[in-house]
């Protein structure tokens, strides 16, 4: 079955960096688009970044120039490098694969202190 396992979250000061990883299994990874979402309690989950099989990317406006999504097909892994973090980036970050249904990981907490 499809599994997405995120790691790399934590507590960081404003201006710091974190690198999230999402290890995927249960489907053929390389030809699939992948994405990172985030969610704050009481708010809707929002798309942060996406990456296509050809490595083209898209970013939500507030993270452009600070976050970078990448993928390593040999490792079935998608990454989110987050730099210049801000307190408003605090959220649970989820890996996503939009297959026949939407698949989600368990999420990883990112907390940015001011």
PDB file of N, CA and C in Angstrom:
ATOM      1  N   UNK A   1       0.834  -1.178   0.000  1.00  0.00           N
ATOM      2  CA  UNK A   1       0.000   0.000   0.000  1.00  0.00           C
ATOM      3  C   UNK A   1       0.884   1.249   0.000  1.00  0.00           C
ATOM      4  N   UNK A   2       0.288   2.364  -0.396  1.00  0.00           N
ATOM      5  CA  UNK A   2       1.034   3.616  -0.457  1.00  0.00           C
ATOM      6  C   UNK A   2       1.388   4.071   0.960  1.00  0.00           C
ATOM      7  N   UNK A   3       2.655   4.405   1.137  1.00  0.00           N
ATOM      8  CA  UNK A   3       3.104   4.980   2.401  1.00  0.00           C
ATOM      9  C   UNK A   3       3.966   6.193   2.126  1.00  0.00           C
ATOM     10  N   UNK A   4       3.739   7.243   2.896  1.00  0.00           N
ATOM     11  CA  UNK A   4       4.546   8.455   2.841  1.00  0.00           C
ATOM     12  C   UNK A   4       4.990   8.744   4.267  1.00  0.00           C
ATOM     13  N   UNK A   5       6.288   8.809   4.476  1.00  0.00           N
ATOM     14  CA  UNK A   5       6.818   9.001   5.821  1.00  0.00           C
ATOM     15  C   UNK A   5       7.692  10.246   5.845  1.00  0.00           C
ATOM     16  N   UNK A   6       7.199  11.269   6.553  1.00  0.00           N
ATOM     17  CA  UNK A   6       7.941  12.526   6.649  1.00  0.00           C
ATOM     18  C   UNK A   6       8.902  12.507   7.832  1.00  0.00           C
ATOM     19  N   UNK A   7       9.958  13.271   7.693  1.00  0.00           N
ATOM     20  CA  UNK A   7      10.899  13.463   8.794  1.00  0.00           C
ATOM     21  C   UNK A   7      11.594  14.801   8.617  1.00  0.00           C
ATOM     22  N   UNK A   8      12.263  15.255   9.681  1.00  0.00           N
ATOM     23  CA  UNK A   8      13.072  16.458   9.579  1.00  0.00           C
ATOM     24  C   UNK A   8      12.499  17.696  10.231  1.00  0.00           C
ATOM     25  N   UNK A   9      11.290  17.605  10.755  1.00  0.00           N
ATOM     26  CA  UNK A   9      10.719  18.772  11.421  1.00  0.00           C
ATOM     27  C   UNK A   9      11.406  19.035  12.748  1.00  0.00           C
ATOM     28  N   UNK A  10      11.034  20.142  13.376  1.00  0.00           N
ATOM     29  CA  UNK A  10      11.620  20.471  14.667  1.00  0.00           C
ATOM     30  C   UNK A  10      11.386  21.920  15.030  1.00  0.00           C
ATOM     31  N   UNK A  11      12.109  22.338  16.045  1.00  0.00           N
ATOM     32  CA  UNK A  11      12.040  23.715  16.534  1.00  0.00           C
ATOM     33  C   UNK A  11      13.273  24.459  16.057  1.00  0.00           C
ATOM     34  N   UNK A  12      13.058  25.629  15.471  1.00  0.00           N
ATOM     35  CA  UNK A  12      14.166  26.428  14.954  1.00  0.00           C
ATOM     36  C   UNK A  12      13.856  27.897  15.194  1.00  0.00           C
ATOM     37  N   UNK A  13      14.901  28.686  15.350  1.00  0.00           N
ATOM     38  CA  UNK A  13      14.706  30.127  15.506  1.00  0.00           C
ATOM     39  C   UNK A  13      14.429  30.780  14.155  1.00  0.00           C
ATOM     40  N   UNK A  14      13.765  31.902  14.193  1.00  0.00           N
ATOM     41  CA  UNK A  14      13.517  32.664  12.974  1.00  0.00           C
ATOM     42  C   UNK A  14      14.839  32.935  12.266  1.00  0.00           C
ATOM     43  N   UNK A  15      14.807  32.764  10.942  1.00  0.00           N
ATOM     44  CA  UNK A  15      16.018  32.921  10.145  1.00  0.00           C
ATOM     45  C   UNK A  15      16.782  31.632   9.930  1.00  0.00           C
ATOM     46  N   UNK A  16      16.404  30.598  10.651  1.00  0.00           N
ATOM     47  CA  UNK A  16      17.080  29.315  10.533  1.00  0.00           C
ATOM     48  C   UNK A  16      16.568  28.489   9.372  1.00  0.00           C
ATOM     49  N   UNK A  17      17.084  27.262   9.292  1.00  0.00           N
ATOM     50  CA  UNK A  17      16.759  26.360   8.188  1.00  0.00           C
ATOM     51  C   UNK A  17      16.392  24.983   8.711  1.00  0.00           C
ATOM     52  N   UNK A  18      15.579  24.306   7.937  1.00  0.00           N
ATOM     53  CA  UNK A  18      15.263  22.899   8.159  1.00  0.00           C
ATOM     54  C   UNK A  18      15.124  22.228   6.806  1.00  0.00           C
ATOM     55  N   UNK A  19      15.390  20.933   6.785  1.00  0.00           N
ATOM     56  CA  UNK A  19      15.188  20.135   5.572  1.00  0.00           C
ATOM     57  C   UNK A  19      14.249  18.990   5.900  1.00  0.00           C
ATOM     58  N   UNK A  20      13.094  18.993   5.253  1.00  0.00           N
ATOM     59  CA  UNK A  20      12.138  17.911   5.424  1.00  0.00           C
ATOM     60  C   UNK A  20      12.371  16.847   4.359  1.00  0.00           C
ATOM     61  N   UNK A  21      12.134  15.609   4.737  1.00  0.00           N
ATOM     62  CA  UNK A  21      12.224  14.491   3.804  1.00  0.00           C
ATOM     63  C   UNK A  21      10.917  13.714   3.837  1.00  0.00           C
ATOM     64  N   UNK A  22      10.580  13.136   2.706  1.00  0.00           N
ATOM     65  CA  UNK A  22       9.405  12.279   2.607  1.00  0.00           C
ATOM     66  C   UNK A  22       9.789  11.033   1.831  1.00  0.00           C
ATOM     67  N   UNK A  23       9.812   9.907   2.521  1.00  0.00           N
ATOM     68  CA  UNK A  23      10.131   8.627   1.899  1.00  0.00           C
ATOM     69  C   UNK A  23       8.846   7.967   1.438  1.00  0.00           C
ATOM     70  N   UNK A  24       8.784   7.671   0.146  1.00  0.00           N
ATOM     71  CA  UNK A  24       7.569   7.122  -0.456  1.00  0.00           C
ATOM     72  C   UNK A  24       7.752   5.645  -0.782  1.00  0.00           C
ATOM     73  N   UNK A  25       6.678   4.889  -0.674  1.00  0.00           N
ATOM     74  CA  UNK A  25       6.696   3.472  -1.045  1.00  0.00           C
ATOM     75  C   UNK A  25       5.298   3.049  -1.452  1.00  0.00           C
ATOM     76  N   UNK A  26       5.232   1.914  -2.145  1.00  0.00           N
ATOM     77  CA  UNK A  26       3.932   1.365  -2.521  1.00  0.00           C
ATOM     78  C   UNK A  26       3.416   1.817  -3.871  1.00  0.00           C
ATOM     79  N   UNK A  27       4.194   2.621  -4.585  1.00  0.00           N
ATOM     80  CA  UNK A  27       3.802   3.026  -5.931  1.00  0.00           C
ATOM     81  C   UNK A  27       5.087   3.371  -6.691  1.00  0.00           C
ATOM     82  N   UNK A  28       4.941   3.467  -8.007  1.00  0.00           N
ATOM     83  CA  UNK A  28       6.095   3.808  -8.837  1.00  0.00           C
ATOM     84  C   UNK A  28       6.306   5.313  -8.755  1.00  0.00           C
ATOM     85  N   UNK A  29       7.395   5.704  -8.104  1.00  0.00           N
ATOM     86  CA  UNK A  29       7.608   7.092  -7.690  1.00  0.00           C
ATOM     87  C   UNK A  29       7.989   8.020  -8.836  1.00  0.00           C
ATOM     88  N   UNK A  30       8.892   7.603  -9.689  1.00  0.00           N
ATOM     89  CA  UNK A  30       9.526   8.547 -10.616  1.00  0.00           C
ATOM     90  C   UNK A  30       8.566   9.259 -11.569  1.00  0.00           C
ATOM     91  N   UNK A  31       7.494   8.639 -12.047  1.00  0.00           N
ATOM     92  CA  UNK A  31       6.628   9.367 -12.980  1.00  0.00           C
ATOM     93  C   UNK A  31       5.499  10.158 -12.314  1.00  0.00           C
ATOM     94  N   UNK A  32       5.551  10.305 -10.997  1.00  0.00           N
ATOM     95  CA  UNK A  32       4.471  10.953 -10.266  1.00  0.00           C
ATOM     96  C   UNK A  32       4.864  12.339  -9.765  1.00  0.00           C
ATOM     97  N   UNK A  33       3.892  13.258  -9.800  1.00  0.00           N
ATOM     98  CA  UNK A  33       4.085  14.549  -9.156  1.00  0.00           C
ATOM     99  C   UNK A  33       3.902  14.386  -7.656  1.00  0.00           C
ATOM    100  N   UNK A  34       4.702  15.143  -6.914  1.00  0.00           N
ATOM    101  CA  UNK A  34       4.641  15.101  -5.455  1.00  0.00           C
ATOM    102  C   UNK A  34       4.509  16.532  -4.934  1.00  0.00           C
ATOM    103  N   UNK A  35       4.058  16.660  -3.703  1.00  0.00           N
ATOM    104  CA  UNK A  35       3.848  18.003  -3.159  1.00  0.00           C
ATOM    105  C   UNK A  35       4.026  18.006  -1.646  1.00  0.00           C
ATOM    106  N   UNK A  36       4.268  19.191  -1.131  1.00  0.00           N
ATOM    107  CA  UNK A  36       4.267  19.455   0.310  1.00  0.00           C
ATOM    108  C   UNK A  36       3.135  20.436   0.612  1.00  0.00           C
ATOM    109  N   UNK A  37       2.389  20.110   1.644  1.00  0.00           N
ATOM    110  CA  UNK A  37       1.347  20.976   2.169  1.00  0.00           C
ATOM    111  C   UNK A  37       1.685  21.298   3.614  1.00  0.00           C
ATOM    112  N   UNK A  38       0.987  22.301   4.161  1.00  0.00           N
ATOM    113  CA  UNK A  38       1.121  22.573   5.589  1.00  0.00           C
ATOM    114  C   UNK A  38      -0.240  22.985   6.143  1.00  0.00           C
ATOM    115  N   UNK A  39      -0.367  22.774   7.449  1.00  0.00           N
ATOM    116  CA  UNK A  39      -1.641  23.075   8.090  1.00  0.00           C
ATOM    117  C   UNK A  39      -1.416  23.604   9.494  1.00  0.00           C
ATOM    118  N   UNK A  40      -2.111  24.690   9.783  1.00  0.00           N
ATOM    119  CA  UNK A  40      -2.139  25.274  11.113  1.00  0.00           C
ATOM    120  C   UNK A  40      -3.477  24.899  11.738  1.00  0.00           C
ATOM    121  N   UNK A  41      -3.506  24.568  13.024  1.00  0.00           N
ATOM    122  CA  UNK A  41      -4.781  24.199  13.653  1.00  0.00           C
ATOM    123  C   UNK A  41      -5.869  25.223  13.394  1.00  0.00           C
ATOM    124  N   UNK A  42      -7.031  24.719  12.985  1.00  0.00           N
ATOM    125  CA  UNK A  42      -8.159  25.599  12.728  1.00  0.00           C
ATOM    126  C   UNK A  42      -8.189  26.194  11.339  1.00  0.00           C
ATOM    127  N   UNK A  43      -7.163  25.892  10.548  1.00  0.00           N
ATOM    128  CA  UNK A  43      -7.125  26.430   9.195  1.00  0.00           C
ATOM    129  C   UNK A  43      -7.063  25.293   8.177  1.00  0.00           C
ATOM    130  N   UNK A  44      -7.335  25.645   6.925  1.00  0.00           N
ATOM    131  CA  UNK A  44      -7.275  24.648   5.861  1.00  0.00           C
ATOM    132  C   UNK A  44      -5.830  24.305   5.532  1.00  0.00           C
ATOM    133  N   UNK A  45      -5.651  23.059   5.092  1.00  0.00           N
ATOM    134  CA  UNK A  45      -4.332  22.647   4.618  1.00  0.00           C
ATOM    135  C   UNK A  45      -4.031  23.408   3.327  1.00  0.00           C
ATOM    136  N   UNK A  46      -2.803  23.935   3.224  1.00  0.00           N
ATOM    137  CA  UNK A  46      -2.460  24.728   2.039  1.00  0.00           C
ATOM    138  C   UNK A  46      -1.260  24.120   1.320  1.00  0.00           C
ATOM    139  N   UNK A  47      -1.292  24.256   0.003  1.00  0.00           N
ATOM    140  CA  UNK A  47      -0.188  23.774  -0.829  1.00  0.00           C
ATOM    141  C   UNK A  47       1.009  24.698  -0.668  1.00  0.00           C
ATOM    142  N   UNK A  48       2.158  24.130  -0.389  1.00  0.00           N
ATOM    143  CA  UNK A  48       3.386  24.897  -0.204  1.00  0.00           C
ATOM    144  C   UNK A  48       4.255  24.824  -1.455  1.00  0.00           C
ATOM    145  N   UNK A  49       4.451  23.613  -1.971  1.00  0.00           N
ATOM    146  CA  UNK A  49       5.324  23.432  -3.129  1.00  0.00           C
ATOM    147  C   UNK A  49       4.990  22.112  -3.792  1.00  0.00           C
ATOM    148  N   UNK A  50       5.240  22.050  -5.100  1.00  0.00           N
ATOM    149  CA  UNK A  50       5.021  20.821  -5.846  1.00  0.00           C
ATOM    150  C   UNK A  50       6.147  20.596  -6.826  1.00  0.00           C
ATOM    151  N   UNK A  51       6.363  19.327  -7.168  1.00  0.00           N
ATOM    152  CA  UNK A  51       7.402  18.988  -8.126  1.00  0.00           C
ATOM    153  C   UNK A  51       6.879  17.907  -9.055  1.00  0.00           C
ATOM    154  N   UNK A  52       7.106  18.106 -10.349  1.00  0.00           N
ATOM    155  CA  UNK A  52       6.650  17.173 -11.371  1.00  0.00           C
ATOM    156  C   UNK A  52       7.733  16.146 -11.678  1.00  0.00           C
ATOM    157  N   UNK A  53       7.379  15.120 -12.448  1.00  0.00           N
ATOM    158  CA  UNK A  53       8.387  14.112 -12.796  1.00  0.00           C
ATOM    159  C   UNK A  53       9.587  14.706 -13.528  1.00  0.00           C
ATOM    160  N   UNK A  54       9.358  15.786 -14.296  1.00  0.00           N
ATOM    161  CA  UNK A  54      10.478  16.405 -15.022  1.00  0.00           C
ATOM    162  C   UNK A  54      11.228  17.423 -14.167  1.00  0.00           C
ATOM    163  N   UNK A  55      10.921  17.433 -12.858  1.00  0.00           N
ATOM    164  CA  UNK A  55      11.591  18.301 -11.885  1.00  0.00           C
ATOM    165  C   UNK A  55      11.174  19.767 -11.978  1.00  0.00           C
ATOM    166  N   UNK A  56      10.169  20.082 -12.803  1.00  0.00           N
ATOM    167  CA  UNK A  56       9.636  21.438 -12.744  1.00  0.00           C
ATOM    168  C   UNK A  56       8.904  21.611 -11.417  1.00  0.00           C
ATOM    169  N   UNK A  57       8.919  22.835 -10.922  1.00  0.00           N
ATOM    170  CA  UNK A  57       8.414  23.086  -9.574  1.00  0.00           C
ATOM    171  C   UNK A  57       7.449  24.263  -9.539  1.00  0.00           C
ATOM    172  N   UNK A  58       6.676  24.326  -8.489  1.00  0.00           N
ATOM    173  CA  UNK A  58       5.833  25.476  -8.203  1.00  0.00           C
ATOM    174  C   UNK A  58       5.864  25.743  -6.715  1.00  0.00           C
ATOM    175  N   UNK A  59       5.646  26.995  -6.345  1.00  0.00           N
ATOM    176  CA  UNK A  59       5.697  27.396  -4.936  1.00  0.00           C
ATOM    177  C   UNK A  59       4.557  28.351  -4.609  1.00  0.00           C
ATOM    178  N   UNK A  60       4.069  28.225  -3.401  1.00  0.00           N
ATOM    179  CA  UNK A  60       3.137  29.207  -2.867  1.00  0.00           C
ATOM    180  C   UNK A  60       3.894  30.521  -2.714  1.00  0.00           C
ATOM    181  N   UNK A  61       3.212  31.637  -2.936  1.00  0.00           N
ATOM    182  CA  UNK A  61       3.906  32.925  -3.016  1.00  0.00           C
ATOM    183  C   UNK A  61       4.740  33.249  -1.780  1.00  0.00           C
ATOM    184  N   UNK A  62       4.245  32.920  -0.599  1.00  0.00           N
ATOM    185  CA  UNK A  62       4.937  33.344   0.615  1.00  0.00           C
ATOM    186  C   UNK A  62       6.252  32.591   0.852  1.00  0.00           C
ATOM    187  N   UNK A  63       6.472  31.504   0.135  1.00  0.00           N
ATOM    188  CA  UNK A  63       7.707  30.735   0.350  1.00  0.00           C
ATOM    189  C   UNK A  63       8.680  30.851  -0.818  1.00  0.00           C
ATOM    190  N   UNK A  64       8.270  31.526  -1.881  1.00  0.00           N
ATOM    191  CA  UNK A  64       9.155  31.672  -3.050  1.00  0.00           C
ATOM    192  C   UNK A  64      10.459  32.351  -2.641  1.00  0.00           C
ATOM    193  N   UNK A  65      11.551  31.786  -3.106  1.00  0.00           N
ATOM    194  CA  UNK A  65      12.860  32.334  -2.790  1.00  0.00           C
ATOM    195  C   UNK A  65      13.421  31.856  -1.458  1.00  0.00           C
ATOM    196  N   UNK A  66      12.610  31.199  -0.642  1.00  0.00           N
ATOM    197  CA  UNK A  66      13.074  30.697   0.656  1.00  0.00           C
ATOM    198  C   UNK A  66      13.055  29.169   0.716  1.00  0.00           C
ATOM    199  N   UNK A  67      12.077  28.548   0.092  1.00  0.00           N
ATOM    200  CA  UNK A  67      11.938  27.091   0.129  1.00  0.00           C
ATOM    201  C   UNK A  67      12.330  26.516  -1.226  1.00  0.00           C
ATOM    202  N   UNK A  68      12.830  25.289  -1.203  1.00  0.00           N
ATOM    203  CA  UNK A  68      13.152  24.600  -2.443  1.00  0.00           C
ATOM    204  C   UNK A  68      12.741  23.139  -2.327  1.00  0.00           C
ATOM    205  N   UNK A  69      11.896  22.704  -3.266  1.00  0.00           N
ATOM    206  CA  UNK A  69      11.477  21.306  -3.312  1.00  0.00           C
ATOM    207  C   UNK A  69      12.359  20.577  -4.311  1.00  0.00           C
ATOM    208  N   UNK A  70      12.701  19.352  -3.971  1.00  0.00           N
ATOM    209  CA  UNK A  70      13.512  18.537  -4.879  1.00  0.00           C
ATOM    210  C   UNK A  70      13.125  17.077  -4.682  1.00  0.00           C
ATOM    211  N   UNK A  71      13.625  16.232  -5.575  1.00  0.00           N
ATOM    212  CA  UNK A  71      13.313  14.809  -5.475  1.00  0.00           C
ATOM    213  C   UNK A  71      14.534  13.986  -5.852  1.00  0.00           C
ATOM    214  N   UNK A  72      14.627  12.815  -5.249  1.00  0.00           N
ATOM    215  CA  UNK A  72      15.669  11.847  -5.575  1.00  0.00           C
ATOM    216  C   UNK A  72      14.957  10.555  -5.951  1.00  0.00           C
ATOM    217  N   UNK A  73      14.785  10.351  -7.239  1.00  0.00           N
ATOM    218  CA  UNK A  73      14.000   9.190  -7.687  1.00  0.00           C
ATOM    219  C   UNK A  73      14.648   7.871  -7.288  1.00  0.00           C
ATOM    220  N   UNK A  74      15.963   7.838  -7.244  1.00  0.00           N
ATOM    221  CA  UNK A  74      16.646   6.607  -6.862  1.00  0.00           C
ATOM    222  C   UNK A  74      16.345   6.217  -5.416  1.00  0.00           C
ATOM    223  N   UNK A  75      15.950   7.210  -4.617  1.00  0.00           N
ATOM    224  CA  UNK A  75      15.649   6.956  -3.206  1.00  0.00           C
ATOM    225  C   UNK A  75      14.152   7.049  -2.907  1.00  0.00           C
ATOM    226  N   UNK A  76      13.339   7.259  -3.940  1.00  0.00           N
ATOM    227  CA  UNK A  76      11.887   7.432  -3.739  1.00  0.00           C
ATOM    228  C   UNK A  76      11.603   8.469  -2.660  1.00  0.00           C
ATOM    229  N   UNK A  77      12.320   9.578  -2.728  1.00  0.00           N
ATOM    230  CA  UNK A  77      12.233  10.586  -1.675  1.00  0.00           C
ATOM    231  C   UNK A  77      12.050  11.977  -2.273  1.00  0.00           C
ATOM    232  N   UNK A  78      11.214  12.759  -1.621  1.00  0.00           N
ATOM    233  CA  UNK A  78      11.048  14.163  -1.977  1.00  0.00           C
ATOM    234  C   UNK A  78      11.459  15.002  -0.763  1.00  0.00           C
ATOM    235  N   UNK A  79      12.101  16.119  -1.029  1.00  0.00           N
ATOM    236  CA  UNK A  79      12.647  16.970   0.021  1.00  0.00           C
ATOM    237  C   UNK A  79      12.027  18.353  -0.023  1.00  0.00           C
ATOM    238  N   UNK A  80      12.065  19.033   1.103  1.00  0.00           N
ATOM    239  CA  UNK A  80      11.711  20.443   1.159  1.00  0.00           C
ATOM    240  C   UNK A  80      12.770  21.148   1.990  1.00  0.00           C
ATOM    241  N   UNK A  81      13.630  21.887   1.312  1.00  0.00           N
ATOM    242  CA  UNK A  81      14.632  22.701   2.004  1.00  0.00           C
ATOM    243  C   UNK A  81      13.996  24.041   2.343  1.00  0.00           C
ATOM    244  N   UNK A  82      13.987  24.364   3.615  1.00  0.00           N
ATOM    245  CA  UNK A  82      13.328  25.589   4.081  1.00  0.00           C
ATOM    246  C   UNK A  82      14.382  26.496   4.716  1.00  0.00           C
ATOM    247  N   UNK A  83      14.601  27.648   4.104  1.00  0.00           N
ATOM    248  CA  UNK A  83      15.569  28.620   4.598  1.00  0.00           C
ATOM    249  C   UNK A  83      14.860  29.895   5.022  1.00  0.00           C
ATOM    250  N   UNK A  84      15.570  30.719   5.760  1.00  0.00           N
ATOM    251  CA  UNK A  84      15.018  32.005   6.221  1.00  0.00           C
ATOM    252  C   UNK A  84      13.631  31.823   6.820  1.00  0.00           C
ATOM    253  N   UNK A  85      13.522  30.849   7.696  1.00  0.00           N
ATOM    254  CA  UNK A  85      12.211  30.521   8.256  1.00  0.00           C
ATOM    255  C   UNK A  85      11.657  31.662   9.097  1.00  0.00           C
ATOM    256  N   UNK A  86      10.342  31.790   9.054  1.00  0.00           N
ATOM    257  CA  UNK A  86       9.621  32.828   9.770  1.00  0.00           C
ATOM    258  C   UNK A  86       8.634  32.180  10.744  1.00  0.00           C
ATOM    259  N   UNK A  87       8.247  32.881  11.805  1.00  0.00           N
ATOM    260  CA  UNK A  87       7.259  32.304  12.725  1.00  0.00           C
ATOM    261  C   UNK A  87       5.970  31.880  12.015  1.00  0.00           C
ATOM    262  N   UNK A  88       5.606  32.590  10.958  1.00  0.00           N
ATOM    263  CA  UNK A  88       4.374  32.224  10.241  1.00  0.00           C
ATOM    264  C   UNK A  88       4.517  30.954   9.421  1.00  0.00           C
ATOM    265  N   UNK A  89       5.702  30.397   9.339  1.00  0.00           N
ATOM    266  CA  UNK A  89       5.890  29.093   8.701  1.00  0.00           C
ATOM    267  C   UNK A  89       5.562  27.944   9.655  1.00  0.00           C
ATOM    268  N   UNK A  90       5.321  28.264  10.919  1.00  0.00           N
ATOM    269  CA  UNK A  90       4.985  27.229  11.896  1.00  0.00           C
ATOM    270  C   UNK A  90       3.716  26.504  11.486  1.00  0.00           C
ATOM    271  N   UNK A  91       3.808  25.181  11.386  1.00  0.00           N
ATOM    272  CA  UNK A  91       2.683  24.357  10.929  1.00  0.00           C
ATOM    273  C   UNK A  91       3.095  22.892  10.987  1.00  0.00           C
ATOM    274  N   UNK A  92       2.136  22.027  10.757  1.00  0.00           N
ATOM    275  CA  UNK A  92       2.444  20.629  10.466  1.00  0.00           C
ATOM    276  C   UNK A  92       2.575  20.508   8.956  1.00  0.00           C
ATOM    277  N   UNK A  93       3.679  19.948   8.523  1.00  0.00           N
ATOM    278  CA  UNK A  93       3.958  19.807   7.097  1.00  0.00           C
ATOM    279  C   UNK A  93       3.679  18.371   6.658  1.00  0.00           C
ATOM    280  N   UNK A  94       2.954  18.249   5.542  1.00  0.00           N
ATOM    281  CA  UNK A  94       2.539  16.949   5.041  1.00  0.00           C
ATOM    282  C   UNK A  94       3.057  16.719   3.625  1.00  0.00           C
ATOM    283  N   UNK A  95       3.491  15.519   3.384  1.00  0.00           N
ATOM    284  CA  UNK A  95       3.840  15.080   2.037  1.00  0.00           C
ATOM    285  C   UNK A  95       2.572  14.565   1.358  1.00  0.00           C
ATOM    286  N   UNK A  96       2.463  14.803   0.064  1.00  0.00           N
ATOM    287  CA  UNK A  96       1.249  14.429  -0.665  1.00  0.00           C
ATOM    288  C   UNK A  96       1.560  13.774  -1.992  1.00  0.00           C
ATOM    289  N   UNK A  97       0.799  12.720  -2.285  1.00  0.00           N
ATOM    290  CA  UNK A  97       0.800  12.104  -3.607  1.00  0.00           C
ATOM    291  C   UNK A  97      -0.654  12.030  -4.040  1.00  0.00           C
ATOM    292  N   UNK A  98      -0.961  12.698  -5.162  1.00  0.00           N
ATOM    293  CA  UNK A  98      -2.333  12.717  -5.670  1.00  0.00           C
ATOM    294  C   UNK A  98      -2.503  11.587  -6.666  1.00  0.00           C
ATOM    295  N   UNK A  99      -2.775  10.378  -6.148  1.00  0.00           N
ATOM    296  CA  UNK A  99      -3.006   9.226  -7.003  1.00  0.00           C
ATOM    297  C   UNK A  99      -4.492   9.078  -7.282  1.00  0.00           C
ATOM    298  N   UNK A 100      -4.990   7.848  -7.322  1.00  0.00           N
ATOM    299  CA  UNK A 100      -6.446   7.647  -7.470  1.00  0.00           C
ATOM    300  C   UNK A 100      -7.214   8.353  -6.355  1.00  0.00           C
ATOM    301  N   UNK A 101      -6.588   8.415  -5.214  1.00  0.00           N
ATOM    302  CA  UNK A 101      -7.071   9.264  -4.113  1.00  0.00           C
ATOM    303  C   UNK A 101      -5.896  10.088  -3.625  1.00  0.00           C
ATOM    304  N   UNK A 102      -6.158  11.041  -2.752  1.00  0.00           N
ATOM    305  CA  UNK A 102      -5.068  11.815  -2.148  1.00  0.00           C
ATOM    306  C   UNK A 102      -4.437  11.006  -1.034  1.00  0.00           C
ATOM    307  N   UNK A 103      -3.127  10.826  -1.114  1.00  0.00           N
ATOM    308  CA  UNK A 103      -2.399  10.138  -0.065  1.00  0.00           C
ATOM    309  C   UNK A 103      -1.589  11.150   0.733  1.00  0.00           C
ATOM    310  N   UNK A 104      -1.566  10.954   2.045  1.00  0.00           N
ATOM    311  CA  UNK A 104      -0.869  11.872   2.946  1.00  0.00           C
ATOM    312  C   UNK A 104       0.045  11.098   3.879  1.00  0.00           C
ATOM    313  N   UNK A 105       1.132  11.733   4.268  1.00  0.00           N
ATOM    314  CA  UNK A 105       1.939  11.195   5.344  1.00  0.00           C
ATOM    315  C   UNK A 105       1.322  11.572   6.679  1.00  0.00           C
ATOM    316  N   UNK A 106       2.047  11.218   7.748  1.00  0.00           N
ATOM    317  CA  UNK A 106       1.535  11.488   9.092  1.00  0.00           C
ATOM    318  C   UNK A 106       1.785  12.929   9.517  1.00  0.00           C
ATOM    319  N   UNK A 107       2.636  13.609   8.785  1.00  0.00           N
ATOM    320  CA  UNK A 107       2.948  15.002   9.096  1.00  0.00           C
ATOM    321  C   UNK A 107       4.144  15.136  10.006  1.00  0.00           C
ATOM    322  N   UNK A 108       4.833  16.260   9.881  1.00  0.00           N
ATOM    323  CA  UNK A 108       5.960  16.569  10.750  1.00  0.00           C
ATOM    324  C   UNK A 108       5.828  18.023  11.200  1.00  0.00           C
ATOM    325  N   UNK A 109       5.972  18.240  12.487  1.00  0.00           N
ATOM    326  CA  UNK A 109       5.769  19.573  13.060  1.00  0.00           C
ATOM    327  C   UNK A 109       6.994  20.443  12.825  1.00  0.00           C
ATOM    328  N   UNK A 110       6.745  21.639  12.326  1.00  0.00           N
ATOM    329  CA  UNK A 110       7.777  22.664  12.197  1.00  0.00           C
ATOM    330  C   UNK A 110       7.356  23.848  13.050  1.00  0.00           C
ATOM    331  N   UNK A 111       8.207  24.223  13.985  1.00  0.00           N
ATOM    332  CA  UNK A 111       7.928  25.347  14.860  1.00  0.00           C
ATOM    333  C   UNK A 111       9.060  26.356  14.747  1.00  0.00           C
ATOM    334  N   UNK A 112       8.718  27.589  14.402  1.00  0.00           N
ATOM    335  CA  UNK A 112       9.699  28.641  14.243  1.00  0.00           C
ATOM    336  C   UNK A 112       9.465  29.683  15.330  1.00  0.00           C
ATOM    337  N   UNK A 113      10.449  29.854  16.178  1.00  0.00           N
ATOM    338  CA  UNK A 113      10.323  30.814  17.271  1.00  0.00           C
ATOM    339  C   UNK A 113      10.864  32.172  16.853  1.00  0.00           C
ATOM    340  N   UNK A 114      10.264  33.213  17.404  1.00  0.00           N
ATOM    341  CA  UNK A 114      10.692  34.575  17.046  1.00  0.00           C
ATOM    342  C   UNK A 114      11.796  35.062  17.957  1.00  0.00           C
TER     343      UNK A 114
END
